[in-house]
């Protein structure tokens, strides 16, 4: 998958660390985000994708590019899964 300039160049160290140390894994859950402010400004939405290794991939609205990636926080997992008890056990260990 292609990466934006921000991800590929400006966050190159983070991306390298994730790929070399943690691994990207496979997407297990995704959520489309398109805020009222983005709509008002005529901006596209984005997809937040959680992988089985606990990495958050932020993708463009058409899912063709990765905007950024980072280790998801517990709070983000709770929000995407809709509650603490709904987060898969394998992500609790990450």
N, C-alpha and C. Protein backbone atom coordinates (compact mmCIF):
# COMPACT_ATOMS: atom_id res chain seq x y z
N UNK A 1 0.85 -1.18 0.00
CA UNK A 1 0.00 0.00 0.00
C UNK A 1 0.89 1.24 0.00
N UNK A 2 0.45 2.22 -0.69
CA UNK A 2 1.19 3.47 -0.80
C UNK A 2 1.05 4.29 0.48
N UNK A 3 2.05 5.13 0.77
CA UNK A 3 2.02 6.01 1.94
C UNK A 3 2.06 7.46 1.48
N UNK A 4 1.47 8.33 2.28
CA UNK A 4 1.56 9.76 2.00
C UNK A 4 2.98 10.23 2.32
N UNK A 5 3.31 11.42 1.85
CA UNK A 5 4.62 12.01 2.14
C UNK A 5 4.82 12.09 3.66
N UNK A 6 3.79 12.49 4.36
CA UNK A 6 3.87 12.61 5.83
C UNK A 6 4.32 11.29 6.45
N UNK A 7 3.70 10.21 6.04
CA UNK A 7 4.01 8.91 6.62
C UNK A 7 5.38 8.41 6.16
N UNK A 8 5.63 8.49 4.88
CA UNK A 8 6.84 7.90 4.31
C UNK A 8 8.11 8.67 4.64
N UNK A 9 8.02 10.00 4.71
CA UNK A 9 9.21 10.82 4.93
C UNK A 9 9.25 11.41 6.33
N UNK A 10 8.20 12.11 6.71
CA UNK A 10 8.20 12.81 7.99
C UNK A 10 8.11 11.86 9.19
N UNK A 11 7.56 10.68 8.99
CA UNK A 11 7.45 9.70 10.08
C UNK A 11 8.23 8.43 9.76
N UNK A 12 9.27 8.55 8.97
CA UNK A 12 10.05 7.38 8.52
C UNK A 12 10.63 6.58 9.68
N UNK A 13 11.14 7.25 10.71
CA UNK A 13 11.72 6.54 11.85
C UNK A 13 10.67 5.71 12.59
N UNK A 14 9.49 6.30 12.78
CA UNK A 14 8.41 5.59 13.47
C UNK A 14 7.96 4.38 12.64
N UNK A 15 7.79 4.59 11.34
CA UNK A 15 7.35 3.50 10.46
C UNK A 15 8.38 2.37 10.48
N UNK A 16 9.65 2.71 10.40
CA UNK A 16 10.71 1.69 10.42
C UNK A 16 10.67 0.90 11.74
N UNK A 17 10.52 1.61 12.85
CA UNK A 17 10.44 0.95 14.16
C UNK A 17 9.25 -0.01 14.21
N UNK A 18 8.10 0.44 13.75
CA UNK A 18 6.91 -0.41 13.77
C UNK A 18 7.12 -1.65 12.92
N UNK A 19 7.61 -1.47 11.72
CA UNK A 19 7.80 -2.60 10.81
C UNK A 19 8.86 -3.57 11.34
N UNK A 20 9.99 -3.04 11.82
CA UNK A 20 11.10 -3.89 12.28
C UNK A 20 10.87 -4.52 13.64
N UNK A 21 10.18 -3.84 14.54
CA UNK A 21 10.06 -4.29 15.92
C UNK A 21 8.71 -4.93 16.27
N UNK A 22 7.64 -4.31 15.83
CA UNK A 22 6.30 -4.76 16.22
C UNK A 22 5.64 -5.56 15.10
N UNK A 23 5.74 -5.07 13.90
CA UNK A 23 5.06 -5.67 12.74
C UNK A 23 3.72 -5.00 12.49
N UNK A 24 3.38 -4.85 11.23
CA UNK A 24 2.11 -4.20 10.89
C UNK A 24 0.91 -5.07 11.23
N UNK A 25 1.01 -6.36 10.98
CA UNK A 25 -0.11 -7.26 11.24
C UNK A 25 -1.20 -7.11 10.19
N UNK A 26 -2.36 -7.67 10.51
CA UNK A 26 -3.52 -7.63 9.62
C UNK A 26 -4.61 -6.76 10.24
N UNK A 27 -5.30 -6.00 9.42
CA UNK A 27 -6.39 -5.15 9.91
C UNK A 27 -7.51 -6.04 10.44
N UNK A 28 -7.92 -5.76 11.68
CA UNK A 28 -8.99 -6.54 12.31
C UNK A 28 -10.25 -5.71 12.58
N UNK A 29 -10.10 -4.40 12.53
CA UNK A 29 -11.26 -3.52 12.79
C UNK A 29 -10.98 -2.17 12.15
N UNK A 30 -12.00 -1.57 11.59
CA UNK A 30 -11.83 -0.23 11.04
C UNK A 30 -13.07 0.61 11.29
N UNK A 31 -12.84 1.91 11.35
CA UNK A 31 -13.93 2.84 11.61
C UNK A 31 -13.73 4.06 10.73
N UNK A 32 -14.78 4.47 10.07
CA UNK A 32 -14.74 5.65 9.21
C UNK A 32 -15.05 6.88 10.05
N UNK A 33 -14.22 7.90 9.91
CA UNK A 33 -14.39 9.15 10.65
C UNK A 33 -14.53 10.29 9.64
N UNK A 34 -15.60 11.05 9.78
CA UNK A 34 -15.80 12.23 8.94
C UNK A 34 -16.53 13.24 9.80
N UNK A 35 -15.78 14.14 10.40
CA UNK A 35 -16.34 15.08 11.37
C UNK A 35 -17.12 16.20 10.69
N UNK A 36 -17.95 16.85 11.46
CA UNK A 36 -18.72 17.99 10.95
C UNK A 36 -17.79 19.09 10.44
N UNK A 37 -16.68 19.29 11.14
CA UNK A 37 -15.72 20.30 10.71
C UNK A 37 -15.10 19.95 9.36
N UNK A 38 -14.75 18.68 9.17
CA UNK A 38 -14.20 18.25 7.87
C UNK A 38 -15.23 18.45 6.76
N UNK A 39 -16.46 18.12 7.04
CA UNK A 39 -17.52 18.28 6.05
C UNK A 39 -17.68 19.76 5.70
N UNK A 40 -17.73 20.61 6.73
CA UNK A 40 -17.88 22.05 6.53
C UNK A 40 -16.75 22.62 5.68
N UNK A 41 -15.53 22.11 5.88
CA UNK A 41 -14.36 22.60 5.13
C UNK A 41 -14.19 21.90 3.79
N UNK A 42 -15.07 20.96 3.48
CA UNK A 42 -14.98 20.24 2.22
C UNK A 42 -13.85 19.22 2.20
N UNK A 43 -13.42 18.78 3.37
CA UNK A 43 -12.33 17.82 3.48
C UNK A 43 -12.87 16.39 3.50
N UNK A 44 -12.04 15.47 3.04
CA UNK A 44 -12.42 14.06 3.03
C UNK A 44 -12.31 13.48 4.44
N UNK A 45 -13.00 12.38 4.65
CA UNK A 45 -12.90 11.65 5.91
C UNK A 45 -11.68 10.75 5.87
N UNK A 46 -11.57 9.88 6.88
CA UNK A 46 -10.44 8.95 6.94
C UNK A 46 -10.90 7.68 7.64
N UNK A 47 -10.13 6.63 7.45
CA UNK A 47 -10.38 5.36 8.12
C UNK A 47 -9.33 5.14 9.20
N UNK A 48 -9.77 4.76 10.37
CA UNK A 48 -8.89 4.34 11.45
C UNK A 48 -8.94 2.83 11.46
N UNK A 49 -7.80 2.19 11.27
CA UNK A 49 -7.74 0.73 11.16
C UNK A 49 -6.82 0.18 12.24
N UNK A 50 -7.34 -0.74 13.04
CA UNK A 50 -6.56 -1.41 14.08
C UNK A 50 -6.07 -2.74 13.52
N UNK A 51 -4.79 -3.03 13.73
CA UNK A 51 -4.26 -4.32 13.30
C UNK A 51 -4.15 -5.26 14.49
N UNK A 52 -3.92 -6.53 14.21
CA UNK A 52 -3.82 -7.52 15.28
C UNK A 52 -2.54 -7.38 16.10
N UNK A 53 -1.65 -6.48 15.70
CA UNK A 53 -0.45 -6.20 16.49
C UNK A 53 -0.60 -4.91 17.30
N UNK A 54 -1.80 -4.30 17.24
CA UNK A 54 -2.07 -3.08 18.02
C UNK A 54 -1.65 -1.80 17.34
N UNK A 55 -1.40 -1.86 16.06
CA UNK A 55 -1.01 -0.66 15.31
C UNK A 55 -2.25 0.01 14.75
N UNK A 56 -2.30 1.33 14.87
CA UNK A 56 -3.37 2.13 14.27
C UNK A 56 -2.86 2.63 12.93
N UNK A 57 -3.54 2.25 11.87
CA UNK A 57 -3.25 2.77 10.54
C UNK A 57 -4.33 3.79 10.22
N UNK A 58 -3.92 4.99 9.85
CA UNK A 58 -4.88 6.01 9.43
C UNK A 58 -4.78 6.07 7.91
N UNK A 59 -5.90 5.76 7.25
CA UNK A 59 -5.91 5.67 5.79
C UNK A 59 -6.79 6.75 5.18
N UNK A 60 -6.48 7.09 3.94
CA UNK A 60 -7.30 8.05 3.20
C UNK A 60 -8.70 7.49 3.01
N UNK A 61 -9.62 8.37 2.65
CA UNK A 61 -11.02 7.97 2.49
C UNK A 61 -11.19 6.86 1.46
N UNK A 62 -10.37 6.86 0.42
CA UNK A 62 -10.47 5.81 -0.60
C UNK A 62 -9.66 4.57 -0.25
N UNK A 63 -8.99 4.59 0.91
CA UNK A 63 -8.19 3.48 1.44
C UNK A 63 -6.97 3.13 0.57
N UNK A 64 -6.55 4.04 -0.28
CA UNK A 64 -5.42 3.76 -1.17
C UNK A 64 -4.08 4.15 -0.57
N UNK A 65 -4.08 5.03 0.44
CA UNK A 65 -2.83 5.48 1.05
C UNK A 65 -2.92 5.45 2.57
N UNK A 66 -1.78 5.18 3.19
CA UNK A 66 -1.66 5.28 4.65
C UNK A 66 -1.18 6.70 4.96
N UNK A 67 -1.94 7.41 5.78
CA UNK A 67 -1.59 8.78 6.16
C UNK A 67 -0.54 8.75 7.26
N UNK A 68 -0.75 7.90 8.25
CA UNK A 68 0.20 7.74 9.35
C UNK A 68 -0.07 6.40 10.04
N UNK A 69 0.84 6.02 10.93
CA UNK A 69 0.65 4.81 11.74
C UNK A 69 1.34 5.01 13.07
N UNK A 70 0.78 4.38 14.10
CA UNK A 70 1.34 4.47 15.44
C UNK A 70 0.73 3.36 16.30
N UNK A 71 1.28 3.17 17.48
CA UNK A 71 0.74 2.18 18.40
C UNK A 71 -0.54 2.77 19.00
N UNK A 72 -1.64 2.04 18.86
CA UNK A 72 -2.93 2.53 19.36
C UNK A 72 -2.92 2.59 20.88
N UNK A 73 -3.57 3.61 21.42
CA UNK A 73 -3.71 3.73 22.87
C UNK A 73 -4.91 2.90 23.33
N UNK A 74 -4.93 2.58 24.59
CA UNK A 74 -6.05 1.82 25.16
C UNK A 74 -7.36 2.59 24.96
N UNK A 75 -7.32 3.87 25.15
CA UNK A 75 -8.51 4.72 24.98
C UNK A 75 -9.04 4.63 23.55
N UNK A 76 -8.15 4.61 22.58
CA UNK A 76 -8.57 4.48 21.17
C UNK A 76 -9.20 3.11 20.91
N UNK A 77 -8.62 2.08 21.50
CA UNK A 77 -9.20 0.74 21.35
C UNK A 77 -10.60 0.67 21.93
N UNK A 78 -10.80 1.26 23.10
CA UNK A 78 -12.12 1.28 23.73
C UNK A 78 -13.11 2.01 22.82
N UNK A 79 -12.70 3.13 22.25
CA UNK A 79 -13.59 3.90 21.38
C UNK A 79 -13.95 3.13 20.10
N UNK A 80 -12.98 2.50 19.49
CA UNK A 80 -13.24 1.79 18.23
C UNK A 80 -14.05 0.51 18.46
N UNK A 81 -13.79 -0.18 19.56
CA UNK A 81 -14.51 -1.42 19.84
C UNK A 81 -15.82 -1.20 20.59
N UNK A 82 -16.03 0.02 21.10
CA UNK A 82 -17.29 0.32 21.76
C UNK A 82 -17.38 -0.15 23.20
N UNK A 83 -16.25 -0.26 23.87
CA UNK A 83 -16.25 -0.65 25.28
C UNK A 83 -15.06 -1.52 25.63
N UNK A 84 -14.68 -1.47 26.91
CA UNK A 84 -13.53 -2.23 27.40
C UNK A 84 -13.70 -3.73 27.19
N UNK A 85 -14.88 -4.22 27.45
CA UNK A 85 -15.12 -5.67 27.39
C UNK A 85 -15.17 -6.22 25.97
N UNK A 86 -15.21 -5.35 24.99
CA UNK A 86 -15.30 -5.79 23.60
C UNK A 86 -13.94 -5.86 22.90
N UNK A 87 -12.90 -5.38 23.55
CA UNK A 87 -11.55 -5.42 22.97
C UNK A 87 -11.04 -6.86 23.04
N UNK A 88 -10.57 -7.42 21.92
CA UNK A 88 -10.04 -8.80 21.95
C UNK A 88 -8.89 -8.92 22.94
N UNK A 89 -8.81 -10.06 23.61
CA UNK A 89 -7.76 -10.28 24.62
C UNK A 89 -6.36 -10.10 24.08
N UNK A 90 -6.12 -10.52 22.83
CA UNK A 90 -4.77 -10.41 22.28
C UNK A 90 -4.33 -8.94 22.14
N UNK A 91 -5.26 -7.99 22.09
CA UNK A 91 -4.87 -6.58 22.03
C UNK A 91 -4.60 -6.00 23.42
N UNK A 92 -5.13 -6.63 24.45
CA UNK A 92 -4.87 -6.17 25.83
C UNK A 92 -3.40 -6.32 26.16
N UNK A 93 -2.75 -7.30 25.57
CA UNK A 93 -1.35 -7.58 25.88
C UNK A 93 -0.39 -6.64 25.16
N UNK A 94 -0.88 -5.89 24.20
CA UNK A 94 -0.02 -5.03 23.38
C UNK A 94 0.31 -3.74 24.07
